[in-house]
Amino acid sequence: MAHMIDNTTGTNAIAYAGKTPWHGLGQALSADASIETWTREAGLAYDVLESPVLFRTVAASEPETFNGRKVLHRSDTGAPLAVVSNGYHVVQPAEVMGFFDNLVKLGGFQLETAGALSYGRRVWALASVGAGADIVDGDTVKPYLLLGTSYDGTMATVAKFTTVRVVCNNTITAALGDNTASVRVLHSERFDADAVRMELGIVANNWERFLIESRKLAGVPMGANDADAFVAELLKPYHTGKIDISDSRAYKRIMQLFNGAAIGSDIAGVTGTRWGMLNAVTELVDHERGRSDNTRLESAWFGTGAAIKNRALDLLAA
């Protein structure tokens, strides 16, 4: 299975501190674990190396080099990751971890999870950013900073602000229509950790904006007709079956969650609001959509699941 927590070394390549994450995978670490321990236990203690692409033809007795391309491969297992252009700049796993090591040392940040996906073709780390706050009384969200990169050309290096809803561990990308909540560095460019940290502004402004906009969503009622129209519009780009969208499993489940089945629906001010609908969509993506926890994780943060959540935010905040 192509999209999964990497376990090519015999251990799931993910580590975490604090409570067990919603996906339930990985090695538990203490909050004060060293960056070296984090790197090792998260399965990131390898370098991404480069080699030329060679090919053999009947016209030549020796292998020839294919100009303009190179193979990326792991230093620990030797496994190939991808064939990319010579201009592809790699952000090493150690650079990802070092990005957060510097933030932790500055204070206010705490590394909470890190790991590798897709046989090591993608790596990420996630750190909490200070204390949380309530959207409505008793419904707390906490701010996080996520950094991920790829070694197969499928994703730029991305640093983005995200939040976690404490009651159910839903992960919500906190862009709310504003691109300042994320920074993308193409692999044709050099990764400059200091520049990325400055561009993000260490997320303080994004966190305040997220709280304001989310509290607005919690203050807007959403009736049955509005909910029906929203879910139909949300799922339209992803619906390819012959049945009506309203008969699809995703539509029915989102409506069930919105109408009181979601975790946290018992909190006053959640059910029947746009905030409640956002969390119904997020709960489906983070906890139910997909075949397993390890496929769900990549989709929820970087794949189709993340796109669905971002689309839900855009539609609800419009």
C-alpha atoms as a PDB file:
ATOM      1  CA  MET A   1       0.000   0.000   0.000  1.00  0.00           C
ATOM      2  CA  ALA A   2       1.643   3.213  -1.230  1.00  0.00           C
ATOM      3  CA  HIS A   3       0.315   5.704   1.303  1.00  0.00           C
ATOM      4  CA  MET A   4       1.137   4.635   4.840  1.00  0.00           C
ATOM      5  CA  ILE A   5       3.341   5.121   7.865  1.00  0.00           C
ATOM      6  CA  ASP A   6       6.773   3.895   6.801  1.00  0.00           C
ATOM      7  CA  ASN A   7       7.761   0.566   8.372  1.00  0.00           C
ATOM      8  CA  THR A   8      10.541  -0.538   6.037  1.00  0.00           C
ATOM      9  CA  THR A   9      12.925  -0.856   9.006  1.00  0.00           C
ATOM     10  CA  GLY A  10      10.486  -3.096  10.891  1.00  0.00           C
ATOM     11  CA  THR A  11       9.068  -0.324  13.134  1.00  0.00           C
ATOM     12  CA  ASN A  12       6.367   2.250  12.438  1.00  0.00           C
ATOM     13  CA  ALA A  13       8.249   5.463  11.639  1.00  0.00           C
ATOM     14  CA  ILE A  14       6.397   7.781  13.994  1.00  0.00           C
ATOM     15  CA  ALA A  15       7.029   9.085  17.510  1.00  0.00           C
ATOM     16  CA  TYR A  16       4.926  11.228  19.804  1.00  0.00           C
ATOM     17  CA  ALA A  17       4.957  12.944  23.210  1.00  0.00           C
ATOM     18  CA  GLY A  18       1.966  13.352  25.491  1.00  0.00           C
ATOM     19  CA  LYS A  19      -1.381  11.666  24.869  1.00  0.00           C
ATOM     20  CA  THR A  20      -1.608   8.908  22.268  1.00  0.00           C
ATOM     21  CA  PRO A  21      -2.494  10.580  18.916  1.00  0.00           C
ATOM     22  CA  TRP A  22      -5.842   9.953  17.248  1.00  0.00           C
ATOM     23  CA  HIS A  23      -4.218   7.500  14.814  1.00  0.00           C
ATOM     24  CA  GLY A  24      -2.893   5.407  17.727  1.00  0.00           C
ATOM     25  CA  LEU A  25       0.507   4.694  16.150  1.00  0.00           C
ATOM     26  CA  GLY A  26       4.126   5.263  17.124  1.00  0.00           C
ATOM     27  CA  GLN A  27       6.709   5.276  19.909  1.00  0.00           C
ATOM     28  CA  ALA A  28       5.877   7.288  23.052  1.00  0.00           C
ATOM     29  CA  LEU A  29       8.564   9.766  24.174  1.00  0.00           C
ATOM     30  CA  SER A  30       8.931  12.047  27.163  1.00  0.00           C
ATOM     31  CA  ALA A  31       8.321  15.751  26.603  1.00  0.00           C
ATOM     32  CA  ASP A  32      12.003  16.554  27.241  1.00  0.00           C
ATOM     33  CA  ALA A  33      13.436  13.938  24.840  1.00  0.00           C
ATOM     34  CA  SER A  34      16.466  15.151  22.879  1.00  0.00           C
ATOM     35  CA  ILE A  35      16.203  15.908  19.167  1.00  0.00           C
ATOM     36  CA  GLU A  36      18.509  12.945  18.540  1.00  0.00           C
ATOM     37  CA  THR A  37      16.036  10.650  20.339  1.00  0.00           C
ATOM     38  CA  TRP A  38      13.138  12.140  18.417  1.00  0.00           C
ATOM     39  CA  THR A  39      14.923  11.627  15.106  1.00  0.00           C
ATOM     40  CA  ARG A  40      15.788   8.005  15.885  1.00  0.00           C
ATOM     41  CA  GLU A  41      12.410   6.965  17.325  1.00  0.00           C
ATOM     42  CA  ALA A  42      10.481   8.726  14.555  1.00  0.00           C
ATOM     43  CA  GLY A  43      12.360   6.646  11.969  1.00  0.00           C
ATOM     44  CA  LEU A  44      14.102   9.710  10.525  1.00  0.00           C
ATOM     45  CA  ALA A  45      17.730   8.791  11.227  1.00  0.00           C
ATOM     46  CA  TYR A  46      18.663   8.550   7.566  1.00  0.00           C
ATOM     47  CA  ASP A  47      19.918  10.832   4.827  1.00  0.00           C
ATOM     48  CA  VAL A  48      18.491  11.133   1.346  1.00  0.00           C
ATOM     49  CA  LEU A  49      21.357  10.486  -1.063  1.00  0.00           C
ATOM     50  CA  GLU A  50      21.668  11.137  -4.796  1.00  0.00           C
ATOM     51  CA  SER A  51      23.016   8.910  -7.582  1.00  0.00           C
ATOM     52  CA  PRO A  52      23.077   9.330 -11.365  1.00  0.00           C
ATOM     53  CA  VAL A  53      20.528   7.534 -13.532  1.00  0.00           C
ATOM     54  CA  LEU A  54      22.271   4.866 -15.627  1.00  0.00           C
ATOM     55  CA  PHE A  55      20.854   2.925 -18.567  1.00  0.00           C
ATOM     56  CA  ARG A  56      22.187   0.233 -20.881  1.00  0.00           C
ATOM     57  CA  THR A  57      21.604  -0.152 -24.623  1.00  0.00           C
ATOM     58  CA  VAL A  58      22.668  -2.691 -27.223  1.00  0.00           C
ATOM     59  CA  ALA A  59      24.748   0.036 -28.893  1.00  0.00           C
ATOM     60  CA  ALA A  60      27.057   0.524 -25.895  1.00  0.00           C
ATOM     61  CA  SER A  61      29.119  -1.927 -23.887  1.00  0.00           C
ATOM     62  CA  GLU A  62      28.976   0.140 -20.680  1.00  0.00           C
ATOM     63  CA  PRO A  63      26.024   1.786 -18.878  1.00  0.00           C
ATOM     64  CA  GLU A  64      25.434   5.379 -19.920  1.00  0.00           C
ATOM     65  CA  THR A  65      24.334   8.328 -17.782  1.00  0.00           C
ATOM     66  CA  PHE A  66      20.947   9.906 -18.379  1.00  0.00           C
ATOM     67  CA  ASN A  67      21.728  13.616 -18.185  1.00  0.00           C
ATOM     68  CA  GLY A  68      19.475  15.910 -16.194  1.00  0.00           C
ATOM     69  CA  ARG A  69      18.067  13.234 -13.868  1.00  0.00           C
ATOM     70  CA  LYS A  70      19.126  11.632 -10.604  1.00  0.00           C
ATOM     71  CA  VAL A  71      17.893   8.924  -8.244  1.00  0.00           C
ATOM     72  CA  LEU A  72      17.115   9.758  -4.617  1.00  0.00           C
ATOM     73  CA  HIS A  73      17.637   6.867  -2.191  1.00  0.00           C
ATOM     74  CA  ARG A  74      17.835   6.214   1.548  1.00  0.00           C
ATOM     75  CA  SER A  75      21.183   5.944   3.303  1.00  0.00           C
ATOM     76  CA  ASP A  76      19.952   3.332   5.806  1.00  0.00           C
ATOM     77  CA  THR A  77      18.102   0.786   3.653  1.00  0.00           C
ATOM     78  CA  GLY A  78      19.388   1.795   0.212  1.00  0.00           C
ATOM     79  CA  ALA A  79      15.777   1.861  -1.008  1.00  0.00           C
ATOM     80  CA  PRO A  80      15.076   4.124  -3.998  1.00  0.00           C
ATOM     81  CA  LEU A  81      12.664   6.994  -3.375  1.00  0.00           C
ATOM     82  CA  ALA A  82      12.234   8.616  -6.800  1.00  0.00           C
ATOM     83  CA  VAL A  83      13.869   9.761 -10.021  1.00  0.00           C
ATOM     84  CA  VAL A  84      13.909  13.560 -10.080  1.00  0.00           C
ATOM     85  CA  SER A  85      15.562  16.381 -12.028  1.00  0.00           C
ATOM     86  CA  ASN A  86      19.075  17.522 -11.199  1.00  0.00           C
ATOM     87  CA  GLY A  87      17.579  20.788  -9.960  1.00  0.00           C
ATOM     88  CA  TYR A  88      15.555  19.062  -7.227  1.00  0.00           C
ATOM     89  CA  HIS A  89      16.727  20.333  -3.831  1.00  0.00           C
ATOM     90  CA  VAL A  90      16.326  17.886  -0.958  1.00  0.00           C
ATOM     91  CA  VAL A  91      15.314  18.970   2.546  1.00  0.00           C
ATOM     92  CA  GLN A  92      16.875  16.264   4.691  1.00  0.00           C
ATOM     93  CA  PRO A  93      14.954  14.621   7.567  1.00  0.00           C
ATOM     94  CA  ALA A  94      17.535  16.155   9.916  1.00  0.00           C
ATOM     95  CA  GLU A  95      16.673  19.626   8.569  1.00  0.00           C
ATOM     96  CA  VAL A  96      12.990  19.070   9.324  1.00  0.00           C
ATOM     97  CA  MET A  97      13.843  18.058  12.881  1.00  0.00           C
ATOM     98  CA  GLY A  98      16.342  20.895  13.240  1.00  0.00           C
ATOM     99  CA  PHE A  99      13.671  23.399  12.213  1.00  0.00           C
ATOM    100  CA  PHE A 100      11.661  22.481  15.315  1.00  0.00           C
ATOM    101  CA  ASP A 101      14.680  21.973  17.559  1.00  0.00           C
ATOM    102  CA  ASN A 102      15.492  25.655  17.155  1.00  0.00           C
ATOM    103  CA  LEU A 103      11.891  26.674  17.884  1.00  0.00           C
ATOM    104  CA  VAL A 104      11.762  24.508  21.025  1.00  0.00           C
ATOM    105  CA  LYS A 105      14.978  26.098  22.273  1.00  0.00           C
ATOM    106  CA  LEU A 106      13.500  29.561  21.692  1.00  0.00           C
ATOM    107  CA  GLY A 107      10.587  28.619  23.938  1.00  0.00           C
ATOM    108  CA  GLY A 108       6.836  28.383  23.472  1.00  0.00           C
ATOM    109  CA  PHE A 109       7.004  25.336  21.174  1.00  0.00           C
ATOM    110  CA  GLN A 110       6.848  21.636  22.069  1.00  0.00           C
ATOM    111  CA  LEU A 111       7.489  18.893  19.533  1.00  0.00           C
ATOM    112  CA  GLU A 112       4.581  16.440  19.735  1.00  0.00           C
ATOM    113  CA  THR A 113       4.815  14.062  16.771  1.00  0.00           C
ATOM    114  CA  ALA A 114       7.102  13.296  13.821  1.00  0.00           C
ATOM    115  CA  GLY A 115       7.573  10.518  11.312  1.00  0.00           C
ATOM    116  CA  ALA A 116       7.800   9.252   7.738  1.00  0.00           C
ATOM    117  CA  LEU A 117       5.144   8.206   5.228  1.00  0.00           C
ATOM    118  CA  SER A 118       5.090   6.258   1.974  1.00  0.00           C
ATOM    119  CA  TYR A 119       8.289   4.229   2.510  1.00  0.00           C
ATOM    120  CA  GLY A 120      10.133   7.393   3.538  1.00  0.00           C
ATOM    121  CA  ARG A 121       9.057   9.479   0.526  1.00  0.00           C
ATOM    122  CA  ARG A 122       7.422  12.035   2.831  1.00  0.00           C
ATOM    123  CA  VAL A 123       8.475  13.182   6.306  1.00  0.00           C
ATOM    124  CA  TRP A 124       6.877  15.583   8.761  1.00  0.00           C
ATOM    125  CA  ALA A 125       7.009  16.986  12.290  1.00  0.00           C
ATOM    126  CA  LEU A 126       4.326  18.724  14.337  1.00  0.00           C
ATOM    127  CA  ALA A 127       4.818  21.034  17.342  1.00  0.00           C
ATOM    128  CA  SER A 128       2.314  22.635  19.689  1.00  0.00           C
ATOM    129  CA  VAL A 129       2.434  26.408  20.020  1.00  0.00           C
ATOM    130  CA  GLY A 130       1.543  27.485  23.548  1.00  0.00           C
ATOM    131  CA  ALA A 131      -1.824  27.116  25.248  1.00  0.00           C
ATOM    132  CA  GLY A 132      -5.228  26.562  23.675  1.00  0.00           C
ATOM    133  CA  ALA A 133      -8.400  28.644  23.778  1.00  0.00           C
ATOM    134  CA  ASP A 134     -12.163  28.036  23.647  1.00  0.00           C
ATOM    135  CA  ILE A 135     -14.278  28.587  20.533  1.00  0.00           C
ATOM    136  CA  VAL A 136     -17.362  28.260  22.725  1.00  0.00           C
ATOM    137  CA  ASP A 137     -17.308  27.497  26.458  1.00  0.00           C
ATOM    138  CA  GLY A 138     -15.829  24.022  26.959  1.00  0.00           C
ATOM    139  CA  ASP A 139     -14.739  23.527  23.330  1.00  0.00           C
ATOM    140  CA  THR A 140     -10.973  24.060  23.337  1.00  0.00           C
ATOM    141  CA  VAL A 141      -8.657  24.152  20.337  1.00  0.00           C
ATOM    142  CA  LYS A 142      -4.847  24.234  20.451  1.00  0.00           C
ATOM    143  CA  PRO A 143      -2.473  25.780  17.873  1.00  0.00           C
ATOM    144  CA  TYR A 144       0.193  23.720  16.104  1.00  0.00           C
ATOM    145  CA  LEU A 145       2.864  24.173  13.466  1.00  0.00           C
ATOM    146  CA  LEU A 146       3.324  21.425  10.857  1.00  0.00           C
ATOM    147  CA  LEU A 147       6.343  21.039   8.552  1.00  0.00           C
ATOM    148  CA  GLY A 148       6.437  18.385   5.840  1.00  0.00           C
ATOM    149  CA  THR A 149       8.453  17.634   2.724  1.00  0.00           C
ATOM    150  CA  SER A 150       8.668  14.976   0.018  1.00  0.00           C
ATOM    151  CA  TYR A 151      11.398  13.130  -1.853  1.00  0.00           C
ATOM    152  CA  ASP A 152       9.324  12.049  -4.847  1.00  0.00           C
ATOM    153  CA  GLY A 153       8.129  15.339  -6.332  1.00  0.00           C
ATOM    154  CA  THR A 154       4.560  14.955  -5.067  1.00  0.00           C
ATOM    155  CA  MET A 155       4.680  17.810  -2.558  1.00  0.00           C
ATOM    156  CA  ALA A 156       6.627  21.000  -1.987  1.00  0.00           C
ATOM    157  CA  THR A 157       8.124  21.619   1.421  1.00  0.00           C
ATOM    158  CA  VAL A 158       5.167  23.020   3.384  1.00  0.00           C
ATOM    159  CA  ALA A 159       5.095  24.758   6.761  1.00  0.00           C
ATOM    160  CA  LYS A 160       1.562  25.466   7.898  1.00  0.00           C
ATOM    161  CA  PHE A 161      -0.434  26.502  10.898  1.00  0.00           C
ATOM    162  CA  THR A 162      -3.029  23.958  12.016  1.00  0.00           C
ATOM    163  CA  THR A 163      -5.164  23.390  15.087  1.00  0.00           C
ATOM    164  CA  VAL A 164      -6.358  20.389  17.065  1.00  0.00           C
ATOM    165  CA  ARG A 165      -9.778  20.308  18.703  1.00  0.00           C
ATOM    166  CA  VAL A 166      -9.045  18.817  22.107  1.00  0.00           C
ATOM    167  CA  VAL A 167     -12.356  17.033  22.691  1.00  0.00           C
ATOM    168  CA  CYS A 168     -11.972  14.800  19.623  1.00  0.00           C
ATOM    169  CA  ASN A 169      -8.448  15.403  18.200  1.00  0.00           C
ATOM    170  CA  ASN A 170      -9.847  16.801  14.945  1.00  0.00           C
ATOM    171  CA  THR A 171      -7.120  18.558  12.949  1.00  0.00           C
ATOM    172  CA  ILE A 172      -8.191  21.775  11.253  1.00  0.00           C
ATOM    173  CA  THR A 173      -6.004  23.745   8.873  1.00  0.00           C
ATOM    174  CA  ALA A 174      -6.414  27.292  10.079  1.00  0.00           C
ATOM    175  CA  ALA A 175      -6.065  29.174   6.825  1.00  0.00           C
ATOM    176  CA  LEU A 176      -9.694  30.367   6.699  1.00  0.00           C
ATOM    177  CA  GLY A 177      -9.136  31.904   3.297  1.00  0.00           C
ATOM    178  CA  ASP A 178      -5.807  33.517   4.181  1.00  0.00           C
ATOM    179  CA  ASN A 179      -2.587  32.221   2.592  1.00  0.00           C
ATOM    180  CA  THR A 180      -0.459  33.652   5.413  1.00  0.00           C
ATOM    181  CA  ALA A 181      -1.214  30.497   7.421  1.00  0.00           C
ATOM    182  CA  SER A 182       1.195  28.460   5.288  1.00  0.00           C
ATOM    183  CA  VAL A 183       4.508  28.718   3.455  1.00  0.00           C
ATOM    184  CA  ARG A 184       5.416  26.572   0.443  1.00  0.00           C
ATOM    185  CA  VAL A 185       9.002  26.114  -0.744  1.00  0.00           C
ATOM    186  CA  LEU A 186       9.316  24.420  -4.129  1.00  0.00           C
ATOM    187  CA  HIS A 187      12.049  21.828  -4.535  1.00  0.00           C
ATOM    188  CA  SER A 188      13.530  23.993  -7.281  1.00  0.00           C
ATOM    189  CA  GLU A 189      14.446  26.417  -4.472  1.00  0.00           C
ATOM    190  CA  ARG A 190      16.773  26.125  -1.500  1.00  0.00           C
ATOM    191  CA  PHE A 191      15.065  25.625   1.866  1.00  0.00           C
ATOM    192  CA  ASP A 192      15.967  28.438   4.261  1.00  0.00           C
ATOM    193  CA  ALA A 193      14.639  27.551   7.733  1.00  0.00           C
ATOM    194  CA  ASP A 194      15.142  31.056   9.135  1.00  0.00           C
ATOM    195  CA  ALA A 195      13.291  32.645   6.217  1.00  0.00           C
ATOM    196  CA  VAL A 196      10.371  30.224   6.623  1.00  0.00           C
ATOM    197  CA  ARG A 197      10.133  30.936  10.347  1.00  0.00           C
ATOM    198  CA  MET A 198      10.088  34.676   9.672  1.00  0.00           C
ATOM    199  CA  GLU A 199       7.491  34.367   6.905  1.00  0.00           C
ATOM    200  CA  LEU A 200       5.204  32.379   9.186  1.00  0.00           C
ATOM    201  CA  GLY A 201       5.572  35.055  11.833  1.00  0.00           C
ATOM    202  CA  ILE A 202       5.708  32.195  14.377  1.00  0.00           C
ATOM    203  CA  VAL A 203       1.931  31.834  13.812  1.00  0.00           C
ATOM    204  CA  ALA A 204       0.784  34.332  16.464  1.00  0.00           C
ATOM    205  CA  ASN A 205      -1.283  36.444  14.060  1.00  0.00           C
ATOM    206  CA  ASN A 206      -2.724  33.351  12.371  1.00  0.00           C
ATOM    207  CA  TRP A 207      -3.814  31.939  15.725  1.00  0.00           C
ATOM    208  CA  GLU A 208      -5.700  35.124  16.637  1.00  0.00           C
ATOM    209  CA  ARG A 209      -7.322  35.192  13.201  1.00  0.00           C
ATOM    210  CA  PHE A 210      -8.363  31.554  13.526  1.00  0.00           C
ATOM    211  CA  LEU A 211     -10.024  32.163  16.901  1.00  0.00           C
ATOM    212  CA  ILE A 212     -11.952  35.168  15.591  1.00  0.00           C
ATOM    213  CA  GLU A 213     -13.161  33.413  12.454  1.00  0.00           C
ATOM    214  CA  SER A 214     -14.000  30.140  14.227  1.00  0.00           C
ATOM    215  CA  ARG A 215     -16.005  31.965  16.870  1.00  0.00           C
ATOM    216  CA  LYS A 216     -17.914  33.652  14.039  1.00  0.00           C
ATOM    217  CA  LEU A 217     -18.707  30.188  12.603  1.00  0.00           C
ATOM    218  CA  ALA A 218     -19.961  29.079  16.014  1.00  0.00           C
ATOM    219  CA  GLY A 219     -22.311  32.064  16.068  1.00  0.00           C
ATOM    220  CA  VAL A 220     -23.975  31.298  12.719  1.00  0.00           C
ATOM    221  CA  PRO A 221     -26.891  28.815  12.845  1.00  0.00           C
ATOM    222  CA  MET A 222     -27.141  26.263  10.053  1.00  0.00           C
ATOM    223  CA  GLY A 223     -30.572  24.867   9.267  1.00  0.00           C
ATOM    224  CA  ALA A 224     -31.419  21.636   7.482  1.00  0.00           C
ATOM    225  CA  ASN A 225     -31.668  23.200   4.012  1.00  0.00           C
ATOM    226  CA  ASP A 226     -28.375  25.063   4.375  1.00  0.00           C
ATOM    227  CA  ALA A 227     -26.660  21.916   5.672  1.00  0.00           C
ATOM    228  CA  ASP A 228     -27.978  19.866   2.758  1.00  0.00           C
ATOM    229  CA  ALA A 229     -26.806  22.419   0.196  1.00  0.00           C
ATOM    230  CA  PHE A 230     -23.405  22.766   1.856  1.00  0.00           C
ATOM    231  CA  VAL A 231     -22.625  19.026   1.999  1.00  0.00           C
ATOM    232  CA  ALA A 232     -23.759  18.530  -1.609  1.00  0.00           C
ATOM    233  CA  GLU A 233     -21.505  21.377  -2.768  1.00  0.00           C
ATOM    234  CA  LEU A 234     -18.605  20.153  -0.612  1.00  0.00           C
ATOM    235  CA  LEU A 235     -18.648  16.627  -2.040  1.00  0.00           C
ATOM    236  CA  LYS A 236     -19.342  17.560  -5.673  1.00  0.00           C
ATOM    237  CA  PRO A 237     -15.678  17.480  -6.866  1.00  0.00           C
ATOM    238  CA  TYR A 238     -15.088  14.098  -5.200  1.00  0.00           C
ATOM    239  CA  HIS A 239     -18.304  12.345  -6.243  1.00  0.00           C
ATOM    240  CA  THR A 240     -17.890  10.082  -9.274  1.00  0.00           C
ATOM    241  CA  GLY A 241     -20.534   7.419  -8.622  1.00  0.00           C
ATOM    242  CA  LYS A 242     -23.823   6.944 -10.470  1.00  0.00           C
ATOM    243  CA  ILE A 243     -25.914   7.482  -7.319  1.00  0.00           C
ATOM    244  CA  ASP A 244     -26.991  10.918  -6.128  1.00  0.00           C
ATOM    245  CA  ILE A 245     -24.628  12.683  -3.741  1.00  0.00           C
ATOM    246  CA  SER A 246     -27.355  12.609  -1.092  1.00  0.00           C
ATOM    247  CA  ASP A 247     -27.336   8.806  -1.271  1.00  0.00           C
ATOM    248  CA  SER A 248     -23.552   8.512  -0.825  1.00  0.00           C
ATOM    249  CA  ARG A 249     -22.004   7.207   2.367  1.00  0.00           C
ATOM    250  CA  ALA A 250     -19.987  10.411   2.902  1.00  0.00           C
ATOM    251  CA  TYR A 251     -23.078  12.637   2.625  1.00  0.00           C
ATOM    252  CA  LYS A 252     -25.142  10.504   5.001  1.00  0.00           C
ATOM    253  CA  ARG A 253     -22.341  10.252   7.549  1.00  0.00           C
ATOM    254  CA  ILE A 254     -21.575  13.986   7.576  1.00  0.00           C
ATOM    255  CA  MET A 255     -25.252  14.714   8.148  1.00  0.00           C
ATOM    256  CA  GLN A 256     -25.389  12.171  10.992  1.00  0.00           C
ATOM    257  CA  LEU A 257     -22.341  13.747  12.628  1.00  0.00           C
ATOM    258  CA  PHE A 258     -23.733  17.254  12.134  1.00  0.00           C
ATOM    259  CA  ASN A 259     -27.084  16.279  13.635  1.00  0.00           C
ATOM    260  CA  GLY A 260     -25.599  15.133  16.928  1.00  0.00           C
ATOM    261  CA  ALA A 261     -23.482  12.014  16.371  1.00  0.00           C
ATOM    262  CA  ALA A 262     -20.129  13.854  16.345  1.00  0.00           C
ATOM    263  CA  ILE A 263     -17.817  13.902  19.347  1.00  0.00           C
ATOM    264  CA  GLY A 264     -18.394  17.178  21.188  1.00  0.00           C
ATOM    265  CA  SER A 265     -21.945  17.633  19.902  1.00  0.00           C
ATOM    266  CA  ASP A 266     -23.128  17.812  23.504  1.00  0.00           C
ATOM    267  CA  ILE A 267     -21.220  21.070  24.040  1.00  0.00           C
ATOM    268  CA  ALA A 268     -23.627  24.018  24.034  1.00  0.00           C
ATOM    269  CA  GLY A 269     -23.215  26.193  20.937  1.00  0.00           C
ATOM    270  CA  VAL A 270     -21.806  23.479  18.641  1.00  0.00           C
ATOM    271  CA  THR A 271     -24.699  21.484  17.162  1.00  0.00           C
ATOM    272  CA  GLY A 272     -26.659  23.285  14.467  1.00  0.00           C
ATOM    273  CA  THR A 273     -23.917  25.852  13.690  1.00  0.00           C
ATOM    274  CA  ARG A 274     -21.319  26.268  10.977  1.00  0.00           C
ATOM    275  CA  TRP A 275     -18.658  25.394  13.558  1.00  0.00           C
ATOM    276  CA  GLY A 276     -20.496  22.133  14.205  1.00  0.00           C
ATOM    277  CA  MET A 277     -20.583  21.385  10.470  1.00  0.00           C
ATOM    278  CA  LEU A 278     -16.844  22.046  10.127  1.00  0.00           C
ATOM    279  CA  ASN A 279     -16.143  19.532  12.866  1.00  0.00           C
ATOM    280  CA  ALA A 280     -18.554  16.991  11.363  1.00  0.00           C
ATOM    281  CA  VAL A 281     -16.533  17.083   8.130  1.00  0.00           C
ATOM    282  CA  THR A 282     -13.236  16.974  10.008  1.00  0.00           C
ATOM    283  CA  GLU A 283     -14.288  14.030  12.157  1.00  0.00           C
ATOM    284  CA  LEU A 284     -15.203  12.032   9.042  1.00  0.00           C
ATOM    285  CA  VAL A 285     -11.841  12.798   7.404  1.00  0.00           C
ATOM    286  CA  ASP A 286      -9.630  12.291  10.467  1.00  0.00           C
ATOM    287  CA  HIS A 287     -11.318   9.325  12.126  1.00  0.00           C
ATOM    288  CA  GLU A 288     -13.433   7.423   9.611  1.00  0.00           C
ATOM    289  CA  ARG A 289     -12.492   8.053   5.988  1.00  0.00           C
ATOM    290  CA  GLY A 290     -10.033   5.560   4.434  1.00  0.00           C
ATOM    291  CA  ARG A 291      -9.164   1.950   5.085  1.00  0.00           C
ATOM    292  CA  SER A 292      -6.861   2.247   8.106  1.00  0.00           C
ATOM    293  CA  ASP A 293      -5.275   4.663  10.586  1.00  0.00           C
ATOM    294  CA  ASN A 294      -1.994   4.906   8.716  1.00  0.00           C
ATOM    295  CA  THR A 295      -3.603   5.633   5.327  1.00  0.00           C
ATOM    296  CA  ARG A 296      -5.951   8.124   7.014  1.00  0.00           C
ATOM    297  CA  LEU A 297      -3.078  10.113   8.526  1.00  0.00           C
ATOM    298  CA  GLU A 298      -1.414  11.026   5.243  1.00  0.00           C
ATOM    299  CA  SER A 299      -4.720  11.881   3.580  1.00  0.00           C
ATOM    300  CA  ALA A 300      -5.867  14.042   6.504  1.00  0.00           C
ATOM    301  CA  TRP A 301      -2.682  16.133   6.545  1.00  0.00           C
ATOM    302  CA  PHE A 302      -1.409  16.167   2.966  1.00  0.00           C
ATOM    303  CA  GLY A 303      -3.833  14.379   0.631  1.00  0.00           C
ATOM    304  CA  THR A 304      -7.481  14.362  -0.408  1.00  0.00           C
ATOM    305  CA  GLY A 305      -8.650  14.527   3.199  1.00  0.00           C
ATOM    306  CA  ALA A 306      -6.761  17.789   3.727  1.00  0.00           C
ATOM    307  CA  ALA A 307      -8.268  19.178   0.512  1.00  0.00           C
ATOM    308  CA  ILE A 308     -11.792  18.307   1.682  1.00  0.00           C
ATOM    309  CA  LYS A 309     -11.217  20.046   5.031  1.00  0.00           C
ATOM    310  CA  ASN A 310      -9.784  23.138   3.333  1.00  0.00           C
ATOM    311  CA  ARG A 311     -12.743  23.231   0.937  1.00  0.00           C
ATOM    312  CA  ALA A 312     -15.138  22.961   3.888  1.00  0.00           C
ATOM    313  CA  LEU A 313     -13.406  25.921   5.571  1.00  0.00           C
ATOM    314  CA  ASP A 314     -13.608  28.031   2.420  1.00  0.00           C
ATOM    315  CA  LEU A 315     -17.306  27.301   1.871  1.00  0.00           C
ATOM    316  CA  LEU A 316     -18.307  27.848   5.493  1.00  0.00           C
ATOM    317  CA  ALA A 317     -16.303  31.043   5.938  1.00  0.00           C
ATOM    318  CA  ALA A 318     -17.456  32.568   2.639  1.00  0.00           C
END
